[in-house]
PDB file of N, CA and C in Angstrom:
ATOM      1  N   MET A   1       8.341   9.514  16.691  1.00  0.00           N
ATOM      2  CA  MET A   1       8.630   8.906  15.369  1.00  0.00           C
ATOM      3  C   MET A   1       9.847   9.736  14.688  1.00  0.00           C
ATOM      4  N   SER A   2      11.051   8.941  13.743  1.00  0.00           N
ATOM      5  CA  SER A   2      12.068   9.968  13.171  1.00  0.00           C
ATOM      6  C   SER A   2      11.924   9.741  11.975  1.00  0.00           C
ATOM      7  N   ILE A   3      12.482  10.605  10.956  1.00  0.00           N
ATOM      8  CA  ILE A   3      12.911  10.300  10.024  1.00  0.00           C
ATOM      9  C   ILE A   3      12.895   8.973   9.493  1.00  0.00           C
ATOM     10  N   VAL A   4      14.229   8.345  10.417  1.00  0.00           N
ATOM     11  CA  VAL A   4      13.994   7.002   9.659  1.00  0.00           C
ATOM     12  C   VAL A   4      12.934   6.279   9.975  1.00  0.00           C
ATOM     13  N   GLY A   5      12.107   6.558  11.109  1.00  0.00           N
ATOM     14  CA  GLY A   5      10.669   5.480  11.033  1.00  0.00           C
ATOM     15  C   GLY A   5       9.854   5.833  10.161  1.00  0.00           C
ATOM     16  N   TYR A   6      10.023   7.034   9.799  1.00  0.00           N
ATOM     17  CA  TYR A   6       9.068   7.510   8.792  1.00  0.00           C
ATOM     18  C   TYR A   6       9.593   6.658   7.221  1.00  0.00           C
ATOM     19  N   LEU A   7      10.687   6.548   6.621  1.00  0.00           N
ATOM     20  CA  LEU A   7      11.018   6.249   6.004  1.00  0.00           C
ATOM     21  C   LEU A   7      10.395   4.265   6.027  1.00  0.00           C
ATOM     22  N   LYS A   8      10.726   4.043   7.324  1.00  0.00           N
ATOM     23  CA  LYS A   8      10.511   2.339   7.229  1.00  0.00           C
ATOM     24  C   LYS A   8       9.145   2.386   7.511  1.00  0.00           C
ATOM     25  N   ALA A   9       8.055   3.426   7.776  1.00  0.00           N
ATOM     26  CA  ALA A   9       6.746   2.697   7.652  1.00  0.00           C
ATOM     27  C   ALA A   9       6.728   3.215   6.010  1.00  0.00           C
ATOM     28  N   LEU A  10       7.186   3.933   5.606  1.00  0.00           N
ATOM     29  CA  LEU A  10       7.084   4.663   3.567  1.00  0.00           C
ATOM     30  C   LEU A  10       7.694   2.873   2.978  1.00  0.00           C
ATOM     31  N   MET A  11       8.489   2.358   3.635  1.00  0.00           N
ATOM     32  CA  MET A  11       8.676   1.573   3.064  1.00  0.00           C
ATOM     33  C   MET A  11       7.986   0.165   3.147  1.00  0.00           C
ATOM     34  N   GLY A  12       7.297   0.476   3.967  1.00  0.00           N
ATOM     35  CA  GLY A  12       5.971  -1.080   4.262  1.00  0.00           C
ATOM     36  C   GLY A  12       5.251  -0.752   3.461  1.00  0.00           C
ATOM     37  N   LEU A  13       4.674   0.500   3.330  1.00  0.00           N
ATOM     38  CA  LEU A  13       3.407   0.573   2.270  1.00  0.00           C
ATOM     39  C   LEU A  13       4.344   0.368   1.115  1.00  0.00           C
ATOM     40  N   ILE A  14       5.117   0.925   0.512  1.00  0.00           N
ATOM     41  CA  ILE A  14       5.695   0.962  -0.936  1.00  0.00           C
ATOM     42  C   ILE A  14       5.634  -0.989  -1.397  1.00  0.00           C
ATOM     43  N   VAL A  15       6.272  -1.742  -0.064  1.00  0.00           N
ATOM     44  CA  VAL A  15       5.941  -3.113  -0.615  1.00  0.00           C
ATOM     45  C   VAL A  15       4.651  -3.695  -0.547  1.00  0.00           C
ATOM     46  N   CYS A  16       4.325  -3.476   0.217  1.00  0.00           N
ATOM     47  CA  CYS A  16       2.636  -3.669   0.003  1.00  0.00           C
ATOM     48  C   CYS A  16       2.074  -3.515  -1.465  1.00  0.00           C
ATOM     49  N   VAL A  17       2.139  -2.040  -1.666  1.00  0.00           N
ATOM     50  CA  VAL A  17       1.225  -1.599  -3.055  1.00  0.00           C
ATOM     51  C   VAL A  17       2.070  -2.555  -3.862  1.00  0.00           C
ATOM     52  N   ALA A  18       3.109  -2.312  -4.201  1.00  0.00           N
ATOM     53  CA  ALA A  18       3.663  -3.361  -5.052  1.00  0.00           C
ATOM     54  C   ALA A  18       3.219  -4.418  -5.326  1.00  0.00           C
ATOM     55  N   PHE A  19       2.869  -5.373  -4.147  1.00  0.00           N
ATOM     56  CA  PHE A  19       2.803  -6.451  -4.156  1.00  0.00           C
ATOM     57  C   PHE A  19       1.332  -6.501  -4.596  1.00  0.00           C
ATOM     58  N   MET A  20       0.125  -5.501  -4.819  1.00  0.00           N
ATOM     59  CA  MET A  20      -0.852  -5.474  -4.944  1.00  0.00           C
ATOM     60  C   MET A  20      -0.909  -5.703  -6.751  1.00  0.00           C
ATOM     61  N   SER A  21      -0.033  -4.805  -7.151  1.00  0.00           N
ATOM     62  CA  SER A  21       0.148  -3.981  -8.230  1.00  0.00           C
ATOM     63  C   SER A  21       0.302  -5.302  -9.083  1.00  0.00           C
ATOM     64  N   MET A  22       1.631  -6.388  -8.374  1.00  0.00           N
ATOM     65  CA  MET A  22       2.348  -7.262  -9.200  1.00  0.00           C
ATOM     66  C   MET A  22       0.815  -8.491  -9.672  1.00  0.00           C
ATOM     67  N   VAL A  23       0.082  -8.482  -8.751  1.00  0.00           N
ATOM     68  CA  VAL A  23      -0.959  -9.605  -8.530  1.00  0.00           C
ATOM     69  C   VAL A  23      -2.128  -9.392  -9.695  1.00  0.00           C
ATOM     70  N   GLY A  24      -2.612  -7.431  -9.758  1.00  0.00           N
ATOM     71  CA  GLY A  24      -2.789  -6.578 -10.461  1.00  0.00           C
ATOM     72  C   GLY A  24      -2.651  -7.214 -11.732  1.00  0.00           C
ATOM     73  N   LEU A  25      -1.409  -7.037 -12.292  1.00  0.00           N
ATOM     74  CA  LEU A  25      -0.645  -7.111 -13.321  1.00  0.00           C
ATOM     75  C   LEU A  25      -0.992  -8.754 -13.585  1.00  0.00           C
ATOM     76  N   VAL A  26      -1.132  -9.622 -13.032  1.00  0.00           N
ATOM     77  CA  VAL A  26      -1.202 -10.900 -13.336  1.00  0.00           C
ATOM     78  C   VAL A  26      -2.425 -11.211 -13.729  1.00  0.00           C
ATOM     79  N   ALA A  27      -3.394 -10.619 -12.701  1.00  0.00           N
ATOM     80  CA  ALA A  27      -4.346 -10.752 -13.571  1.00  0.00           C
ATOM     81  C   ALA A  27      -5.557 -10.232 -15.004  1.00  0.00           C
ATOM     82  N   ALA A  28      -4.072  -9.302 -15.051  1.00  0.00           N
ATOM     83  CA  ALA A  28      -4.511  -8.509 -16.208  1.00  0.00           C
ATOM     84  C   ALA A  28      -4.222  -9.171 -17.971  1.00  0.00           C
ATOM     85  N   PHE A  29      -3.182 -10.357 -18.010  1.00  0.00           N
ATOM     86  CA  PHE A  29      -3.314 -11.419 -18.569  1.00  0.00           C
ATOM     87  C   PHE A  29      -3.634 -12.406 -18.497  1.00  0.00           C
ATOM     88  N   ILE A  30      -4.880 -12.959 -17.326  1.00  0.00           N
ATOM     89  CA  ILE A  30      -5.909 -13.717 -17.707  1.00  0.00           C
ATOM     90  C   ILE A  30      -6.862 -13.932 -18.033  1.00  0.00           C
ATOM     91  N   GLY A  31      -7.351 -14.583 -19.332  1.00  0.00           N
ATOM     92  CA  GLY A  31      -8.768 -14.098 -20.107  1.00  0.00           C
ATOM     93  C   GLY A  31      -8.548 -13.765 -21.194  1.00  0.00           C
ATOM     94  N   PRO A  32      -9.863 -13.017 -21.785  1.00  0.00           N
ATOM     95  CA  PRO A  32      -9.658 -12.176 -22.771  1.00  0.00           C
ATOM     96  C   PRO A  32      -9.235 -10.740 -22.724  1.00  0.00           C
ATOM     97  N   ASN A  33      -8.899 -10.272 -24.058  1.00  0.00           N
ATOM     98  CA  ASN A  33      -8.552  -8.618 -23.433  1.00  0.00           C
ATOM     99  C   ASN A  33      -9.292  -7.838 -23.442  1.00  0.00           C
ATOM    100  N   HIS A  34     -10.422  -7.497 -23.191  1.00  0.00           N
ATOM    101  CA  HIS A  34     -11.216  -6.730 -22.798  1.00  0.00           C
ATOM    102  C   HIS A  34     -11.675  -6.423 -21.370  1.00  0.00           C
ATOM    103  N   GLY A  35     -11.898  -5.662 -20.951  1.00  0.00           N
ATOM    104  CA  GLY A  35     -11.647  -4.808 -19.405  1.00  0.00           C
ATOM    105  C   GLY A  35     -10.787  -5.862 -18.552  1.00  0.00           C
ATOM    106  N   VAL A  36      -9.801  -4.817 -19.148  1.00  0.00           N
ATOM    107  CA  VAL A  36      -8.412  -4.915 -18.775  1.00  0.00           C
ATOM    108  C   VAL A  36      -8.353  -4.398 -17.448  1.00  0.00           C
ATOM    109  N   GLU A  37      -8.766  -3.193 -17.324  1.00  0.00           N
ATOM    110  CA  GLU A  37      -9.086  -2.433 -16.040  1.00  0.00           C
ATOM    111  C   GLU A  37      -9.781  -3.267 -15.202  1.00  0.00           C
ATOM    112  N   ILE A  38     -10.719  -3.715 -15.320  1.00  0.00           N
ATOM    113  CA  ILE A  38     -11.345  -4.339 -14.363  1.00  0.00           C
ATOM    114  C   ILE A  38     -11.133  -6.007 -14.201  1.00  0.00           C
ATOM    115  N   LYS A  39     -10.349  -6.225 -14.290  1.00  0.00           N
ATOM    116  CA  LYS A  39      -9.276  -7.131 -14.331  1.00  0.00           C
ATOM    117  C   LYS A  39      -7.967  -7.300 -13.275  1.00  0.00           C
ATOM    118  N   ILE A  40      -7.080  -5.826 -13.609  1.00  0.00           N
ATOM    119  CA  ILE A  40      -6.813  -5.313 -12.794  1.00  0.00           C
ATOM    120  C   ILE A  40      -7.150  -4.629 -11.039  1.00  0.00           C
ATOM    121  N   LEU A  41      -8.348  -4.136 -11.168  1.00  0.00           N
ATOM    122  CA  LEU A  41      -8.610  -4.033  -9.814  1.00  0.00           C
ATOM    123  C   LEU A  41      -9.089  -5.407  -9.374  1.00  0.00           C
ATOM    124  N   ILE A  42      -9.761  -5.984  -9.740  1.00  0.00           N
ATOM    125  CA  ILE A  42     -10.058  -7.661  -9.215  1.00  0.00           C
ATOM    126  C   ILE A  42      -8.518  -8.229  -8.730  1.00  0.00           C
ATOM    127  N   GLY A  43      -8.049  -8.168  -9.286  1.00  0.00           N
ATOM    128  CA  GLY A  43      -6.513  -8.904  -9.156  1.00  0.00           C
ATOM    129  C   GLY A  43      -5.506  -7.760  -7.854  1.00  0.00           C
ATOM    130  N   MET A  44      -6.172  -6.985  -7.940  1.00  0.00           N
ATOM    131  CA  MET A  44      -5.548  -5.460  -6.744  1.00  0.00           C
ATOM    132  C   MET A  44      -6.256  -5.886  -5.590  1.00  0.00           C
ATOM    133  N   THR A  45      -7.600  -5.963  -5.120  1.00  0.00           N
ATOM    134  CA  THR A  45      -8.285  -6.596  -4.622  1.00  0.00           C
ATOM    135  C   THR A  45      -7.861  -7.797  -3.797  1.00  0.00           C
ATOM    136  N   ILE A  46      -7.766  -8.853  -4.716  1.00  0.00           N
ATOM    137  CA  ILE A  46      -7.110 -10.085  -4.328  1.00  0.00           C
ATOM    138  C   ILE A  46      -5.474  -9.838  -3.801  1.00  0.00           C
ATOM    139  N   GLY A  47      -4.908  -8.969  -3.896  1.00  0.00           N
ATOM    140  CA  GLY A  47      -3.722  -8.709  -3.307  1.00  0.00           C
ATOM    141  C   GLY A  47      -3.643  -8.484  -1.858  1.00  0.00           C
ATOM    142  N   ALA A  48      -4.616  -7.214  -1.828  1.00  0.00           N
ATOM    143  CA  ALA A  48      -4.925  -6.905  -0.443  1.00  0.00           C
ATOM    144  C   ALA A  48      -5.971  -7.911   0.448  1.00  0.00           C
ATOM    145  N   MET A  49      -6.374  -8.883  -0.022  1.00  0.00           N
ATOM    146  CA  MET A  49      -7.008  -9.838   0.793  1.00  0.00           C
ATOM    147  C   MET A  49      -5.700 -10.724   1.398  1.00  0.00           C
ATOM    148  N   ILE A  50      -4.961 -10.831   0.607  1.00  0.00           N
ATOM    149  CA  ILE A  50      -3.916 -11.609   0.619  1.00  0.00           C
ATOM    150  C   ILE A  50      -3.137 -11.384   1.521  1.00  0.00           C
ATOM    151  N   LEU A  51      -2.870  -9.931   1.702  1.00  0.00           N
ATOM    152  CA  LEU A  51      -2.074  -9.255   2.474  1.00  0.00           C
ATOM    153  C   LEU A  51      -2.551  -9.189   4.040  1.00  0.00           C
ATOM    154  N   GLY A  52      -3.967  -8.867   3.946  1.00  0.00           N
ATOM    155  CA  GLY A  52      -4.592  -9.548   4.965  1.00  0.00           C
ATOM    156  C   GLY A  52      -4.239  -7.977   6.464  1.00  0.00           C
ATOM    157  N   PRO A  53      -3.588  -8.451   7.533  1.00  0.00           N
ATOM    158  CA  PRO A  53      -3.563  -7.255   8.300  1.00  0.00           C
ATOM    159  C   PRO A  53      -2.270  -6.216   7.923  1.00  0.00           C
ATOM    160  N   ARG A  54      -1.524  -6.400   7.056  1.00  0.00           N
ATOM    161  CA  ARG A  54      -0.042  -6.188   7.049  1.00  0.00           C
ATOM    162  C   ARG A  54      -0.406  -4.186   6.175  1.00  0.00           C
ATOM    163  N   LEU A  55      -1.630  -4.748   5.310  1.00  0.00           N
ATOM    164  CA  LEU A  55      -1.943  -3.554   4.760  1.00  0.00           C
ATOM    165  C   LEU A  55      -2.330  -2.310   5.800  1.00  0.00           C
ATOM    166  N   PRO A  56      -3.506  -2.236   6.796  1.00  0.00           N
ATOM    167  CA  PRO A  56      -3.829  -1.599   7.714  1.00  0.00           C
ATOM    168  C   PRO A  56      -2.486  -1.388   8.676  1.00  0.00           C
ATOM    169  N   LYS A  57      -1.852  -1.885   8.754  1.00  0.00           N
ATOM    170  CA  LYS A  57      -0.353  -2.299   9.649  1.00  0.00           C
ATOM    171  C   LYS A  57       0.186  -0.848   9.077  1.00  0.00           C
ATOM    172  N   SER A  58       0.888  -0.880   7.680  1.00  0.00           N
ATOM    173  CA  SER A  58       1.670   0.271   7.159  1.00  0.00           C
ATOM    174  C   SER A  58       1.230   1.137   7.084  1.00  0.00           C
ATOM    175  N   LEU A  59      -0.448   1.585   7.300  1.00  0.00           N
ATOM    176  CA  LEU A  59      -0.872   2.205   6.811  1.00  0.00           C
ATOM    177  C   LEU A  59      -1.096   3.521   8.079  1.00  0.00           C
ATOM    178  N   HIS A  60      -1.148   2.639   9.230  1.00  0.00           N
ATOM    179  CA  HIS A  60      -1.442   2.900  10.430  1.00  0.00           C
ATOM    180  C   HIS A  60       0.261   3.623  10.955  1.00  0.00           C
ATOM    181  N   ALA A  61       1.002   2.807  10.709  1.00  0.00           N
ATOM    182  CA  ALA A  61       2.498   3.213  10.832  1.00  0.00           C
ATOM    183  C   ALA A  61       2.918   4.649  10.078  1.00  0.00           C
ATOM    184  N   LEU A  62       2.291   4.821   8.553  1.00  0.00           N
ATOM    185  CA  LEU A  62       2.445   5.623   8.057  1.00  0.00           C
ATOM    186  C   LEU A  62       1.952   7.054   8.585  1.00  0.00           C
ATOM    187  N   TYR A  63       0.423   6.564   9.050  1.00  0.00           N
ATOM    188  CA  TYR A  63       0.197   7.675  10.130  1.00  0.00           C
ATOM    189  C   TYR A  63       0.166   8.197  11.122  1.00  0.00           C
ATOM    190  N   LEU A  64       0.803   7.596  11.375  1.00  0.00           N
ATOM    191  CA  LEU A  64       1.583   7.739  13.048  1.00  0.00           C
ATOM    192  C   LEU A  64       2.762   8.468  12.959  1.00  0.00           C
ATOM    193  N   ALA A  65       3.433   8.448  11.878  1.00  0.00           N
ATOM    194  CA  ALA A  65       4.745   8.771  11.433  1.00  0.00           C
ATOM    195  C   ALA A  65       4.701  10.429  10.816  1.00  0.00           C
ATOM    196  N   ASN A  66       3.843  10.683  10.420  1.00  0.00           N
ATOM    197  CA  ASN A  66       3.212  11.705   9.706  1.00  0.00           C
ATOM    198  C   ASN A  66       2.971  12.839  10.616  1.00  0.00           C
ATOM    199  N   TYR A  67       1.554  11.923  11.841  1.00  0.00           N
ATOM    200  CA  TYR A  67       1.470  12.824  12.605  1.00  0.00           C
ATOM    201  C   TYR A  67       2.577  13.592  14.128  1.00  0.00           C
ATOM    202  N   GLU A  68       3.901  12.492  13.752  1.00  0.00           N
ATOM    203  CA  GLU A  68       4.768  13.287  14.670  1.00  0.00           C
ATOM    204  C   GLU A  68       5.694  14.511  13.770  1.00  0.00           C
ATOM    205  N   VAL A  69       5.788  14.328  12.736  1.00  0.00           N
ATOM    206  CA  VAL A  69       6.077  15.412  12.107  1.00  0.00           C
ATOM    207  C   VAL A  69       5.309  16.447  11.749  1.00  0.00           C
ATOM    208  N   LEU A  70       4.256  16.423  11.620  1.00  0.00           N
ATOM    209  CA  LEU A  70       3.342  17.463  11.779  1.00  0.00           C
ATOM    210  C   LEU A  70       3.229  18.177  12.820  1.00  0.00           C
ATOM    211  N   LYS A  71       3.413  17.620  14.090  1.00  0.00           N
ATOM    212  CA  LYS A  71       3.137  17.824  15.313  1.00  0.00           C
ATOM    213  C   LYS A  71       4.556  19.203  15.793  1.00  0.00           C
ATOM    214  N   LYS A  72       5.748  18.281  15.013  1.00  0.00           N
ATOM    215  CA  LYS A  72       6.912  19.233  15.439  1.00  0.00           C
ATOM    216  C   LYS A  72       6.703  20.575  14.075  1.00  0.00           C
ATOM    217  N   LEU A  73       6.118  20.157  13.807  1.00  0.00           N
ATOM    218  CA  LEU A  73       6.319  21.533  12.434  1.00  0.00           C
ATOM    219  C   LEU A  73       5.513  22.420  12.764  1.00  0.00           C
ATOM    220  N   LEU A  74       4.349  22.373  13.427  1.00  0.00           N
ATOM    221  CA  LEU A  74       3.168  23.533  14.136  1.00  0.00           C
ATOM    222  C   LEU A  74       3.930  23.435  15.155  1.00  0.00           C
ATOM    223  N   GLY A  75       4.646  22.795  15.807  1.00  0.00           N
ATOM    224  CA  GLY A  75       4.625  23.539  17.047  1.00  0.00           C
ATOM    225  C   GLY A  75       3.661  22.861  18.067  1.00  0.00           C
ATOM    226  N   LYS A  76       3.221  22.467  18.044  1.00  0.00           N
ATOM    227  CA  LYS A  76       2.324  21.667  18.775  1.00  0.00           C
ATOM    228  C   LYS A  76       2.778  20.895  20.027  1.00  0.00           C
TER     229      LYS A  76
END
C-alpha cells in the first residue's frame, strides 16, 4: 500500500472518530450536568454501535497500511 493508501485509511479512521465524538458531545448535553464524562463515554459507545462494521474496517485498513510501511523500512 502506498502513501496515498495510508492517508486514505487514516482519513477513514478520522471520519469514524469524528462521528463518535459528535455523538458523545450531543450525549453530554442531555440530562443534568453531573457525570459529563460518563455521558460522553456512553455517547461514544453508541456512536461506535451506529458505525457498525465500518470502524473495524477502518482500523484494519490502517493496520495494513502501517504493516506495508514498516515492512519497507525494515527491509523484510
